[in-house]
């Protein structure tokens, strides 16, 4: 469907949340291995 104002708002919100991921990954790498970061974020989100 043609995007509405709500769709553009949803896109902006998704981008804002997703944009924070890389900062968090940088902080998590202080203690966690790359594969562990990928795993535990997925498992917790899955639950």
ModelCIF file with pLDDT and N, C-alpha, C, O atoms, coordinates in Angstrom:
data_MODEL
#
_entry.id   MODEL 
#
_entity.id                         1 
_entity.type                       polymer 
_entity.pdbx_number_of_molecules   1 
#
_entity_poly.entity_id                      1 
_entity_poly.type                           'polypeptide(L)' 
_entity_poly.nstd_linkage                   no 
_entity_poly.nstd_monomer                   no 
_entity_poly.pdbx_seq_one_letter_code       
;(UNK)(UNK)(UNK)(UNK)(UNK)(UNK)(UNK)(UNK)(UNK)(UNK)(UNK)(UNK)(UNK)(UNK)(UNK)(UNK)
(UNK)(UNK)(UNK)(UNK)(UNK)(UNK)(UNK)(UNK)(UNK)(UNK)(UNK)(UNK)(UNK)(UNK)(UNK)(UNK)
(UNK)(UNK)(UNK)(UNK)(UNK)(UNK)(UNK)(UNK)(UNK)(UNK)(UNK)(UNK)(UNK)(UNK)(UNK)
;
_entity_poly.pdbx_seq_one_letter_code_can   XXXXXXXXXXXXXXXXXXXXXXXXXXXXXXXXXXXXXXXXXXXXXXX 
_entity_poly.pdbx_strand_id                 A 
#
loop_
_entity_poly_seq.entity_id 
_entity_poly_seq.num 
_entity_poly_seq.mon_id 
_entity_poly_seq.hetero 
1 1  UNK n 
1 2  UNK n 
1 3  UNK n 
1 4  UNK n 
1 5  UNK n 
1 6  UNK n 
1 7  UNK n 
1 8  UNK n 
1 9  UNK n 
1 10 UNK n 
1 11 UNK n 
1 12 UNK n 
1 13 UNK n 
1 14 UNK n 
1 15 UNK n 
1 16 UNK n 
1 17 UNK n 
1 18 UNK n 
1 19 UNK n 
1 20 UNK n 
1 21 UNK n 
1 22 UNK n 
1 23 UNK n 
1 24 UNK n 
1 25 UNK n 
1 26 UNK n 
1 27 UNK n 
1 28 UNK n 
1 29 UNK n 
1 30 UNK n 
1 31 UNK n 
1 32 UNK n 
1 33 UNK n 
1 34 UNK n 
1 35 UNK n 
1 36 UNK n 
1 37 UNK n 
1 38 UNK n 
1 39 UNK n 
1 40 UNK n 
1 41 UNK n 
1 42 UNK n 
1 43 UNK n 
1 44 UNK n 
1 45 UNK n 
1 46 UNK n 
1 47 UNK n 
#
_struct_asym.id          A 
_struct_asym.entity_id   1 
#
loop_
_ma_qa_metric.id 
_ma_qa_metric.mode 
_ma_qa_metric.name 
_ma_qa_metric.software_group_id 
_ma_qa_metric.type 
1 global pLDDT . pLDDT 
2 local  pLDDT . pLDDT 
#
_ma_qa_metric_global.metric_id      1 
_ma_qa_metric_global.metric_value   90.98 
_ma_qa_metric_global.model_id       1 
_ma_qa_metric_global.ordinal_id     1 
#
loop_
_ma_qa_metric_local.label_asym_id 
_ma_qa_metric_local.label_comp_id 
_ma_qa_metric_local.label_seq_id 
_ma_qa_metric_local.metric_id 
_ma_qa_metric_local.metric_value 
_ma_qa_metric_local.model_id 
_ma_qa_metric_local.ordinal_id 
A UNK 1  2 76.00 1 1  
A UNK 2  2 78.00 1 2  
A UNK 3  2 79.00 1 3  
A UNK 4  2 84.00 1 4  
A UNK 5  2 86.00 1 5  
A UNK 6  2 89.00 1 6  
A UNK 7  2 88.00 1 7  
A UNK 8  2 86.00 1 8  
A UNK 9  2 89.00 1 9  
A UNK 10 2 91.00 1 10 
A UNK 11 2 89.00 1 11 
A UNK 12 2 89.00 1 12 
A UNK 13 2 93.00 1 13 
A UNK 14 2 92.00 1 14 
A UNK 15 2 89.00 1 15 
A UNK 16 2 91.00 1 16 
A UNK 17 2 94.00 1 17 
A UNK 18 2 89.00 1 18 
A UNK 19 2 88.00 1 19 
A UNK 20 2 91.00 1 20 
A UNK 21 2 91.00 1 21 
A UNK 22 2 88.00 1 22 
A UNK 23 2 89.00 1 23 
A UNK 24 2 93.00 1 24 
A UNK 25 2 93.00 1 25 
A UNK 26 2 89.00 1 26 
A UNK 27 2 91.00 1 27 
A UNK 28 2 94.00 1 28 
A UNK 29 2 93.00 1 29 
A UNK 30 2 92.00 1 30 
A UNK 31 2 93.00 1 31 
A UNK 32 2 94.00 1 32 
A UNK 33 2 93.00 1 33 
A UNK 34 2 93.00 1 34 
A UNK 35 2 93.00 1 35 
A UNK 36 2 95.00 1 36 
A UNK 37 2 95.00 1 37 
A UNK 38 2 94.00 1 38 
A UNK 39 2 95.00 1 39 
A UNK 40 2 96.00 1 40 
A UNK 41 2 95.00 1 41 
A UNK 42 2 96.00 1 42 
A UNK 43 2 96.00 1 43 
A UNK 44 2 96.00 1 44 
A UNK 45 2 96.00 1 45 
A UNK 46 2 96.00 1 46 
A UNK 47 2 96.00 1 47 
#
loop_
_atom_site.group_PDB 
_atom_site.id 
_atom_site.type_symbol 
_atom_site.label_atom_id 
_atom_site.label_alt_id 
_atom_site.label_comp_id 
_atom_site.label_asym_id 
_atom_site.label_entity_id 
_atom_site.label_seq_id 
_atom_site.pdbx_PDB_ins_code 
_atom_site.Cartn_x 
_atom_site.Cartn_y 
_atom_site.Cartn_z 
_atom_site.occupancy 
_atom_site.B_iso_or_equiv 
_atom_site.pdbx_formal_charge 
_atom_site.auth_seq_id 
_atom_site.auth_comp_id 
_atom_site.auth_asym_id 
_atom_site.auth_atom_id 
_atom_site.pdbx_PDB_model_num 
ATOM 1   N N  . UNK A 1 1  ? 0.833  -1.190  0.000  1.00 76.00 ? 1  UNK A N  1 
ATOM 2   C CA . UNK A 1 1  ? 0.000  0.000   0.000  1.00 76.00 ? 1  UNK A CA 1 
ATOM 3   C C  . UNK A 1 1  ? 0.875  1.250   0.000  1.00 76.00 ? 1  UNK A C  1 
ATOM 4   O O  . UNK A 1 1  ? 2.047  1.216   0.376  1.00 76.00 ? 1  UNK A O  1 
ATOM 5   N N  . UNK A 1 2  ? 0.269  2.353   -0.433 1.00 78.00 ? 2  UNK A N  1 
ATOM 6   C CA . UNK A 1 2  ? 0.967  3.636   -0.393 1.00 78.00 ? 2  UNK A CA 1 
ATOM 7   C C  . UNK A 1 2  ? 1.210  4.048   1.049  1.00 78.00 ? 2  UNK A C  1 
ATOM 8   O O  . UNK A 1 2  ? 0.278  4.026   1.852  1.00 78.00 ? 2  UNK A O  1 
ATOM 9   N N  . UNK A 1 3  ? 2.447  4.426   1.405  1.00 79.00 ? 3  UNK A N  1 
ATOM 10  C CA . UNK A 1 3  ? 2.743  4.786   2.801  1.00 79.00 ? 3  UNK A CA 1 
ATOM 11  C C  . UNK A 1 3  ? 1.917  5.969   3.284  1.00 79.00 ? 3  UNK A C  1 
ATOM 12  O O  . UNK A 1 3  ? 1.733  6.949   2.563  1.00 79.00 ? 3  UNK A O  1 
ATOM 13  N N  . UNK A 1 4  ? 1.425  5.868   4.502  1.00 84.00 ? 4  UNK A N  1 
ATOM 14  C CA . UNK A 1 4  ? 0.690  6.943   5.157  1.00 84.00 ? 4  UNK A CA 1 
ATOM 15  C C  . UNK A 1 4  ? 1.599  7.630   6.173  1.00 84.00 ? 4  UNK A C  1 
ATOM 16  O O  . UNK A 1 4  ? 2.754  7.246   6.353  1.00 84.00 ? 4  UNK A O  1 
ATOM 17  N N  . UNK A 1 5  ? 1.053  8.657   6.836  1.00 86.00 ? 5  UNK A N  1 
ATOM 18  C CA . UNK A 1 5  ? 1.829  9.341   7.874  1.00 86.00 ? 5  UNK A CA 1 
ATOM 19  C C  . UNK A 1 5  ? 2.207  8.372   8.986  1.00 86.00 ? 5  UNK A C  1 
ATOM 20  O O  . UNK A 1 5  ? 3.303  8.456   9.539  1.00 86.00 ? 5  UNK A O  1 
ATOM 21  N N  . UNK A 1 6  ? 1.309  7.456   9.314  1.00 89.00 ? 6  UNK A N  1 
ATOM 22  C CA . UNK A 1 6  ? 1.596  6.451   10.341 1.00 89.00 ? 6  UNK A CA 1 
ATOM 23  C C  . UNK A 1 6  ? 2.746  5.552   9.899  1.00 89.00 ? 6  UNK A C  1 
ATOM 24  O O  . UNK A 1 6  ? 3.604  5.198   10.708 1.00 89.00 ? 6  UNK A O  1 
ATOM 25  N N  . UNK A 1 7  ? 2.768  5.184   8.626  1.00 88.00 ? 7  UNK A N  1 
ATOM 26  C CA . UNK A 1 7  ? 3.846  4.337   8.108  1.00 88.00 ? 7  UNK A CA 1 
ATOM 27  C C  . UNK A 1 7  ? 5.198  5.044   8.184  1.00 88.00 ? 7  UNK A C  1 
ATOM 28  O O  . UNK A 1 7  ? 6.204  4.435   8.549  1.00 88.00 ? 7  UNK A O  1 
ATOM 29  N N  . UNK A 1 8  ? 5.216  6.346   7.834  1.00 86.00 ? 8  UNK A N  1 
ATOM 30  C CA . UNK A 1 8  ? 6.462  7.101   7.940  1.00 86.00 ? 8  UNK A CA 1 
ATOM 31  C C  . UNK A 1 8  ? 6.894  7.232   9.403  1.00 86.00 ? 8  UNK A C  1 
ATOM 32  O O  . UNK A 1 8  ? 8.086  7.187   9.707  1.00 86.00 ? 8  UNK A O  1 
ATOM 33  N N  . UNK A 1 9  ? 5.927  7.395   10.303 1.00 89.00 ? 9  UNK A N  1 
ATOM 34  C CA . UNK A 1 9  ? 6.261  7.457   11.726 1.00 89.00 ? 9  UNK A CA 1 
ATOM 35  C C  . UNK A 1 9  ? 6.830  6.143   12.215 1.00 89.00 ? 9  UNK A C  1 
ATOM 36  O O  . UNK A 1 9  ? 7.770  6.123   13.010 1.00 89.00 ? 9  UNK A O  1 
ATOM 37  N N  . UNK A 1 10 ? 6.256  5.033   11.739 1.00 91.00 ? 10 UNK A N  1 
ATOM 38  C CA . UNK A 1 10 ? 6.762  3.715   12.117 1.00 91.00 ? 10 UNK A CA 1 
ATOM 39  C C  . UNK A 1 10 ? 8.184  3.514   11.599 1.00 91.00 ? 10 UNK A C  1 
ATOM 40  O O  . UNK A 1 10 ? 9.027  2.947   12.294 1.00 91.00 ? 10 UNK A O  1 
ATOM 41  N N  . UNK A 1 11 ? 8.449  3.983   10.372 1.00 89.00 ? 11 UNK A N  1 
ATOM 42  C CA . UNK A 1 11 ? 9.793  3.879   9.806  1.00 89.00 ? 11 UNK A CA 1 
ATOM 43  C C  . UNK A 1 11 ? 10.797 4.683   10.627 1.00 89.00 ? 11 UNK A C  1 
ATOM 44  O O  . UNK A 1 11 ? 11.910 4.221   10.881 1.00 89.00 ? 11 UNK A O  1 
ATOM 45  N N  . UNK A 1 12 ? 10.401 5.887   11.042 1.00 89.00 ? 12 UNK A N  1 
ATOM 46  C CA . UNK A 1 12 ? 11.292 6.741   11.842 1.00 89.00 ? 12 UNK A CA 1 
ATOM 47  C C  . UNK A 1 12 ? 11.574 6.103   13.195 1.00 89.00 ? 12 UNK A C  1 
ATOM 48  O O  . UNK A 1 12 ? 12.719 6.103   13.648 1.00 89.00 ? 12 UNK A O  1 
ATOM 49  N N  . UNK A 1 13 ? 10.550 5.560   13.848 1.00 93.00 ? 13 UNK A N  1 
ATOM 50  C CA . UNK A 1 13 ? 10.727 4.920   15.151 1.00 93.00 ? 13 UNK A CA 1 
ATOM 51  C C  . UNK A 1 13 ? 11.630 3.695   15.033 1.00 93.00 ? 13 UNK A C  1 
ATOM 52  O O  . UNK A 1 13 ? 12.511 3.486   15.868 1.00 93.00 ? 13 UNK A O  1 
ATOM 53  N N  . UNK A 1 14 ? 11.411 2.888   14.000 1.00 92.00 ? 14 UNK A N  1 
ATOM 54  C CA . UNK A 1 14 ? 12.249 1.701   13.787 1.00 92.00 ? 14 UNK A CA 1 
ATOM 55  C C  . UNK A 1 14 ? 13.707 2.093   13.596 1.00 92.00 ? 14 UNK A C  1 
ATOM 56  O O  . UNK A 1 14 ? 14.604 1.452   14.143 1.00 92.00 ? 14 UNK A O  1 
ATOM 57  N N  . UNK A 1 15 ? 13.940 3.143   12.822 1.00 89.00 ? 15 UNK A N  1 
ATOM 58  C CA . UNK A 1 15 ? 15.313 3.598   12.567 1.00 89.00 ? 15 UNK A CA 1 
ATOM 59  C C  . UNK A 1 15 ? 15.977 4.105   13.838 1.00 89.00 ? 15 UNK A C  1 
ATOM 60  O O  . UNK A 1 15 ? 17.162 3.860   14.068 1.00 89.00 ? 15 UNK A O  1 
ATOM 61  N N  . UNK A 1 16 ? 15.207 4.816   14.669 1.00 91.00 ? 16 UNK A N  1 
ATOM 62  C CA . UNK A 1 16 ? 15.762 5.339   15.921 1.00 91.00 ? 16 UNK A CA 1 
ATOM 63  C C  . UNK A 1 16 ? 16.168 4.200   16.856 1.00 91.00 ? 16 UNK A C  1 
ATOM 64  O O  . UNK A 1 16 ? 17.231 4.244   17.475 1.00 91.00 ? 16 UNK A O  1 
ATOM 65  N N  . UNK A 1 17 ? 15.318 3.186   16.951 1.00 94.00 ? 17 UNK A N  1 
ATOM 66  C CA . UNK A 1 17 ? 15.632 2.032   17.817 1.00 94.00 ? 17 UNK A CA 1 
ATOM 67  C C  . UNK A 1 17 ? 16.808 1.254   17.254 1.00 94.00 ? 17 UNK A C  1 
ATOM 68  O O  . UNK A 1 17 ? 17.739 0.906   17.980 1.00 94.00 ? 17 UNK A O  1 
ATOM 69  N N  . UNK A 1 18 ? 16.760 0.985   15.959 1.00 89.00 ? 18 UNK A N  1 
ATOM 70  C CA . UNK A 1 18 ? 17.810 0.196   15.332 1.00 89.00 ? 18 UNK A CA 1 
ATOM 71  C C  . UNK A 1 18 ? 19.146 0.928   15.376 1.00 89.00 ? 18 UNK A C  1 
ATOM 72  O O  . UNK A 1 18 ? 20.198 0.301   15.500 1.00 89.00 ? 18 UNK A O  1 
ATOM 73  N N  . UNK A 1 19 ? 19.106 2.261   15.273 1.00 88.00 ? 19 UNK A N  1 
ATOM 74  C CA . UNK A 1 19 ? 20.334 3.031   15.313 1.00 88.00 ? 19 UNK A CA 1 
ATOM 75  C C  . UNK A 1 19 ? 21.079 2.937   16.624 1.00 88.00 ? 19 UNK A C  1 
ATOM 76  O O  . UNK A 1 19 ? 22.282 3.193   16.676 1.00 88.00 ? 19 UNK A O  1 
ATOM 77  N N  . UNK A 1 20 ? 20.372 2.568   17.692 1.00 91.00 ? 20 UNK A N  1 
ATOM 78  C CA . UNK A 1 20 ? 21.022 2.416   18.997 1.00 91.00 ? 20 UNK A CA 1 
ATOM 79  C C  . UNK A 1 20 ? 21.755 1.091   19.140 1.00 91.00 ? 20 UNK A C  1 
ATOM 80  O O  . UNK A 1 20 ? 22.537 0.914   20.074 1.00 91.00 ? 20 UNK A O  1 
ATOM 81  N N  . UNK A 1 21 ? 21.510 0.153   18.217 1.00 91.00 ? 21 UNK A N  1 
ATOM 82  C CA . UNK A 1 21 ? 22.092 -1.183  18.346 1.00 91.00 ? 21 UNK A CA 1 
ATOM 83  C C  . UNK A 1 21 ? 23.614 -1.159  18.314 1.00 91.00 ? 21 UNK A C  1 
ATOM 84  O O  . UNK A 1 21 ? 24.266 -1.897  19.053 1.00 91.00 ? 21 UNK A O  1 
ATOM 85  N N  . UNK A 1 22 ? 24.176 -0.318  17.465 1.00 88.00 ? 22 UNK A N  1 
ATOM 86  C CA . UNK A 1 22 ? 25.620 -0.351  17.245 1.00 88.00 ? 22 UNK A CA 1 
ATOM 87  C C  . UNK A 1 22 ? 26.388 0.193   18.445 1.00 88.00 ? 22 UNK A C  1 
ATOM 88  O O  . UNK A 1 22 ? 27.488 -0.266  18.751 1.00 88.00 ? 22 UNK A O  1 
ATOM 89  N N  . UNK A 1 23 ? 25.804 1.166   19.112 1.00 89.00 ? 23 UNK A N  1 
ATOM 90  C CA . UNK A 1 23 ? 26.392 1.660   20.359 1.00 89.00 ? 23 UNK A CA 1 
ATOM 91  C C  . UNK A 1 23 ? 26.381 0.561   21.411 1.00 89.00 ? 23 UNK A C  1 
ATOM 92  O O  . UNK A 1 23 ? 27.366 0.366   22.123 1.00 89.00 ? 23 UNK A O  1 
ATOM 93  N N  . UNK A 1 24 ? 25.265 -0.156  21.506 1.00 93.00 ? 24 UNK A N  1 
ATOM 94  C CA . UNK A 1 24 ? 25.158 -1.239  22.494 1.00 93.00 ? 24 UNK A CA 1 
ATOM 95  C C  . UNK A 1 24 ? 26.120 -2.383  22.184 1.00 93.00 ? 24 UNK A C  1 
ATOM 96  O O  . UNK A 1 24 ? 26.716 -2.964  23.091 1.00 93.00 ? 24 UNK A O  1 
ATOM 97  N N  . UNK A 1 25 ? 26.269 -2.706  20.895 1.00 93.00 ? 25 UNK A N  1 
ATOM 98  C CA . UNK A 1 25 ? 27.211 -3.756  20.511 1.00 93.00 ? 25 UNK A CA 1 
ATOM 99  C C  . UNK A 1 25 ? 28.634 -3.360  20.901 1.00 93.00 ? 25 UNK A C  1 
ATOM 100 O O  . UNK A 1 25 ? 29.404 -4.183  21.398 1.00 93.00 ? 25 UNK A O  1 
ATOM 101 N N  . UNK A 1 26 ? 28.969 -2.101  20.672 1.00 89.00 ? 26 UNK A N  1 
ATOM 102 C CA . UNK A 1 26 ? 30.296 -1.607  21.034 1.00 89.00 ? 26 UNK A CA 1 
ATOM 103 C C  . UNK A 1 26 ? 30.547 -1.758  22.532 1.00 89.00 ? 26 UNK A C  1 
ATOM 104 O O  . UNK A 1 26 ? 31.650 -2.116  22.945 1.00 89.00 ? 26 UNK A O  1 
ATOM 105 N N  . UNK A 1 27 ? 29.529 -1.486  23.342 1.00 91.00 ? 27 UNK A N  1 
ATOM 106 C CA . UNK A 1 27 ? 29.659 -1.636  24.795 1.00 91.00 ? 27 UNK A CA 1 
ATOM 107 C C  . UNK A 1 27 ? 29.708 -3.112  25.200 1.00 91.00 ? 27 UNK A C  1 
ATOM 108 O O  . UNK A 1 27 ? 30.473 -3.486  26.088 1.00 91.00 ? 27 UNK A O  1 
ATOM 109 N N  . UNK A 1 28 ? 28.899 -3.941  24.556 1.00 94.00 ? 28 UNK A N  1 
ATOM 110 C CA . UNK A 1 28 ? 28.871 -5.361  24.893 1.00 94.00 ? 28 UNK A CA 1 
ATOM 111 C C  . UNK A 1 28 ? 30.176 -6.060  24.545 1.00 94.00 ? 28 UNK A C  1 
ATOM 112 O O  . UNK A 1 28 ? 30.553 -7.029  25.205 1.00 94.00 ? 28 UNK A O  1 
ATOM 113 N N  . UNK A 1 29 ? 30.873 -5.580  23.510 1.00 93.00 ? 29 UNK A N  1 
ATOM 114 C CA . UNK A 1 29 ? 32.131 -6.200  23.091 1.00 93.00 ? 29 UNK A CA 1 
ATOM 115 C C  . UNK A 1 29 ? 33.230 -6.064  24.140 1.00 93.00 ? 29 UNK A C  1 
ATOM 116 O O  . UNK A 1 29 ? 34.274 -6.706  24.030 1.00 93.00 ? 29 UNK A O  1 
ATOM 117 N N  . UNK A 1 30 ? 33.004 -5.239  25.146 1.00 92.00 ? 30 UNK A N  1 
ATOM 118 C CA . UNK A 1 30 ? 33.990 -5.120  26.228 1.00 92.00 ? 30 UNK A CA 1 
ATOM 119 C C  . UNK A 1 30 ? 34.147 -6.437  26.980 1.00 92.00 ? 30 UNK A C  1 
ATOM 120 O O  . UNK A 1 30 ? 35.212 -6.711  27.533 1.00 92.00 ? 30 UNK A O  1 
ATOM 121 N N  . UNK A 1 31 ? 33.090 -7.259  27.003 1.00 93.00 ? 31 UNK A N  1 
ATOM 122 C CA . UNK A 1 31 ? 33.138 -8.528  27.748 1.00 93.00 ? 31 UNK A CA 1 
ATOM 123 C C  . UNK A 1 31 ? 32.692 -9.741  26.940 1.00 93.00 ? 31 UNK A C  1 
ATOM 124 O O  . UNK A 1 31 ? 33.133 -10.858 27.209 1.00 93.00 ? 31 UNK A O  1 
ATOM 125 N N  . UNK A 1 32 ? 31.825 -9.533  25.953 1.00 94.00 ? 32 UNK A N  1 
ATOM 126 C CA . UNK A 1 32 ? 31.237 -10.660 25.240 1.00 94.00 ? 32 UNK A CA 1 
ATOM 127 C C  . UNK A 1 32 ? 31.865 -10.846 23.869 1.00 94.00 ? 32 UNK A C  1 
ATOM 128 O O  . UNK A 1 32 ? 32.223 -9.876  23.200 1.00 94.00 ? 32 UNK A O  1 
ATOM 129 N N  . UNK A 1 33 ? 31.999 -12.120 23.450 1.00 93.00 ? 33 UNK A N  1 
ATOM 130 C CA . UNK A 1 33 ? 32.466 -12.430 22.104 1.00 93.00 ? 33 UNK A CA 1 
ATOM 131 C C  . UNK A 1 33 ? 31.364 -12.090 21.102 1.00 93.00 ? 33 UNK A C  1 
ATOM 132 O O  . UNK A 1 33 ? 30.189 -12.086 21.470 1.00 93.00 ? 33 UNK A O  1 
ATOM 133 N N  . UNK A 1 34 ? 31.714 -11.803 19.842 1.00 93.00 ? 34 UNK A N  1 
ATOM 134 C CA . UNK A 1 34 ? 30.705 -11.457 18.844 1.00 93.00 ? 34 UNK A CA 1 
ATOM 135 C C  . UNK A 1 34 ? 29.579 -12.481 18.723 1.00 93.00 ? 34 UNK A C  1 
ATOM 136 O O  . UNK A 1 34 ? 28.411 -12.102 18.637 1.00 93.00 ? 34 UNK A O  1 
ATOM 137 N N  . UNK A 1 35 ? 29.912 -13.772 18.715 1.00 93.00 ? 35 UNK A N  1 
ATOM 138 C CA . UNK A 1 35 ? 28.887 -14.802 18.574 1.00 93.00 ? 35 UNK A CA 1 
ATOM 139 C C  . UNK A 1 35 ? 27.982 -14.837 19.803 1.00 93.00 ? 35 UNK A C  1 
ATOM 140 O O  . UNK A 1 35 ? 26.791 -15.126 19.685 1.00 93.00 ? 35 UNK A O  1 
ATOM 141 N N  . UNK A 1 36 ? 28.537 -14.545 20.985 1.00 95.00 ? 36 UNK A N  1 
ATOM 142 C CA . UNK A 1 36 ? 27.738 -14.526 22.209 1.00 95.00 ? 36 UNK A CA 1 
ATOM 143 C C  . UNK A 1 36 ? 26.753 -13.357 22.199 1.00 95.00 ? 36 UNK A C  1 
ATOM 144 O O  . UNK A 1 36 ? 25.613 -13.501 22.638 1.00 95.00 ? 36 UNK A O  1 
ATOM 145 N N  . UNK A 1 37 ? 27.191 -12.203 21.699 1.00 95.00 ? 37 UNK A N  1 
ATOM 146 C CA . UNK A 1 37 ? 26.293 -11.056 21.606 1.00 95.00 ? 37 UNK A CA 1 
ATOM 147 C C  . UNK A 1 37 ? 25.120 -11.383 20.693 1.00 95.00 ? 37 UNK A C  1 
ATOM 148 O O  . UNK A 1 37 ? 23.965 -11.120 21.027 1.00 95.00 ? 37 UNK A O  1 
ATOM 149 N N  . UNK A 1 38 ? 25.436 -11.967 19.522 1.00 94.00 ? 38 UNK A N  1 
ATOM 150 C CA . UNK A 1 38 ? 24.385 -12.332 18.582 1.00 94.00 ? 38 UNK A CA 1 
ATOM 151 C C  . UNK A 1 38 ? 23.423 -13.332 19.207 1.00 94.00 ? 38 UNK A C  1 
ATOM 152 O O  . UNK A 1 38 ? 22.207 -13.206 19.059 1.00 94.00 ? 38 UNK A O  1 
ATOM 153 N N  . UNK A 1 39 ? 23.965 -14.325 19.905 1.00 95.00 ? 39 UNK A N  1 
ATOM 154 C CA . UNK A 1 39 ? 23.136 -15.385 20.483 1.00 95.00 ? 39 UNK A CA 1 
ATOM 155 C C  . UNK A 1 39 ? 22.212 -14.883 21.577 1.00 95.00 ? 39 UNK A C  1 
ATOM 156 O O  . UNK A 1 39 ? 21.005 -15.114 21.515 1.00 95.00 ? 39 UNK A O  1 
ATOM 157 N N  . UNK A 1 40 ? 22.753 -14.202 22.575 1.00 96.00 ? 40 UNK A N  1 
ATOM 158 C CA . UNK A 1 40 ? 21.943 -13.862 23.741 1.00 96.00 ? 40 UNK A CA 1 
ATOM 159 C C  . UNK A 1 40 ? 20.908 -12.788 23.438 1.00 96.00 ? 40 UNK A C  1 
ATOM 160 O O  . UNK A 1 40 ? 19.837 -12.786 24.045 1.00 96.00 ? 40 UNK A O  1 
ATOM 161 N N  . UNK A 1 41 ? 21.199 -11.874 22.512 1.00 95.00 ? 41 UNK A N  1 
ATOM 162 C CA . UNK A 1 41 ? 20.179 -10.896 22.147 1.00 95.00 ? 41 UNK A CA 1 
ATOM 163 C C  . UNK A 1 41 ? 19.023 -11.576 21.418 1.00 95.00 ? 41 UNK A C  1 
ATOM 164 O O  . UNK A 1 41 ? 17.867 -11.177 21.558 1.00 95.00 ? 41 UNK A O  1 
ATOM 165 N N  . UNK A 1 42 ? 19.352 -12.614 20.635 1.00 96.00 ? 42 UNK A N  1 
ATOM 166 C CA . UNK A 1 42 ? 18.312 -13.340 19.904 1.00 96.00 ? 42 UNK A CA 1 
ATOM 167 C C  . UNK A 1 42 ? 17.487 -14.203 20.846 1.00 96.00 ? 42 UNK A C  1 
ATOM 168 O O  . UNK A 1 42 ? 16.259 -14.210 20.762 1.00 96.00 ? 42 UNK A O  1 
ATOM 169 N N  . UNK A 1 43 ? 18.142 -14.928 21.739 1.00 96.00 ? 43 UNK A N  1 
ATOM 170 C CA . UNK A 1 43 ? 17.423 -15.828 22.649 1.00 96.00 ? 43 UNK A CA 1 
ATOM 171 C C  . UNK A 1 43 ? 16.479 -15.045 23.567 1.00 96.00 ? 43 UNK A C  1 
ATOM 172 O O  . UNK A 1 43 ? 15.324 -15.431 23.749 1.00 96.00 ? 43 UNK A O  1 
ATOM 173 N N  . UNK A 1 44 ? 16.968 -13.954 24.139 1.00 96.00 ? 44 UNK A N  1 
ATOM 174 C CA . UNK A 1 44 ? 16.122 -13.152 25.037 1.00 96.00 ? 44 UNK A CA 1 
ATOM 175 C C  . UNK A 1 44 ? 14.965 -12.531 24.266 1.00 96.00 ? 44 UNK A C  1 
ATOM 176 O O  . UNK A 1 44 ? 13.830 -12.538 24.742 1.00 96.00 ? 44 UNK A O  1 
ATOM 177 N N  . UNK A 1 45 ? 15.241 -11.997 23.083 1.00 96.00 ? 45 UNK A N  1 
ATOM 178 C CA . UNK A 1 45 ? 14.178 -11.415 22.265 1.00 96.00 ? 45 UNK A CA 1 
ATOM 179 C C  . UNK A 1 45 ? 13.163 -12.480 21.864 1.00 96.00 ? 45 UNK A C  1 
ATOM 180 O O  . UNK A 1 45 ? 11.961 -12.215 21.835 1.00 96.00 ? 45 UNK A O  1 
ATOM 181 N N  . UNK A 1 46 ? 13.636 -13.673 21.557 1.00 96.00 ? 46 UNK A N  1 
ATOM 182 C CA . UNK A 1 46 ? 12.747 -14.769 21.183 1.00 96.00 ? 46 UNK A CA 1 
ATOM 183 C C  . UNK A 1 46 ? 11.774 -15.092 22.316 1.00 96.00 ? 46 UNK A C  1 
ATOM 184 O O  . UNK A 1 46 ? 10.577 -15.256 22.079 1.00 96.00 ? 46 UNK A O  1 
ATOM 185 N N  . UNK A 1 47 ? 12.279 -15.182 23.534 1.00 96.00 ? 47 UNK A N  1 
ATOM 186 C CA . UNK A 1 47 ? 11.414 -15.471 24.685 1.00 96.00 ? 47 UNK A CA 1 
ATOM 187 C C  . UNK A 1 47 ? 10.365 -14.377 24.876 1.00 96.00 ? 47 UNK A C  1 
ATOM 188 O O  . UNK A 1 47 ? 9.552  -14.455 25.797 1.00 96.00 ? 47 UNK A O  1 
#
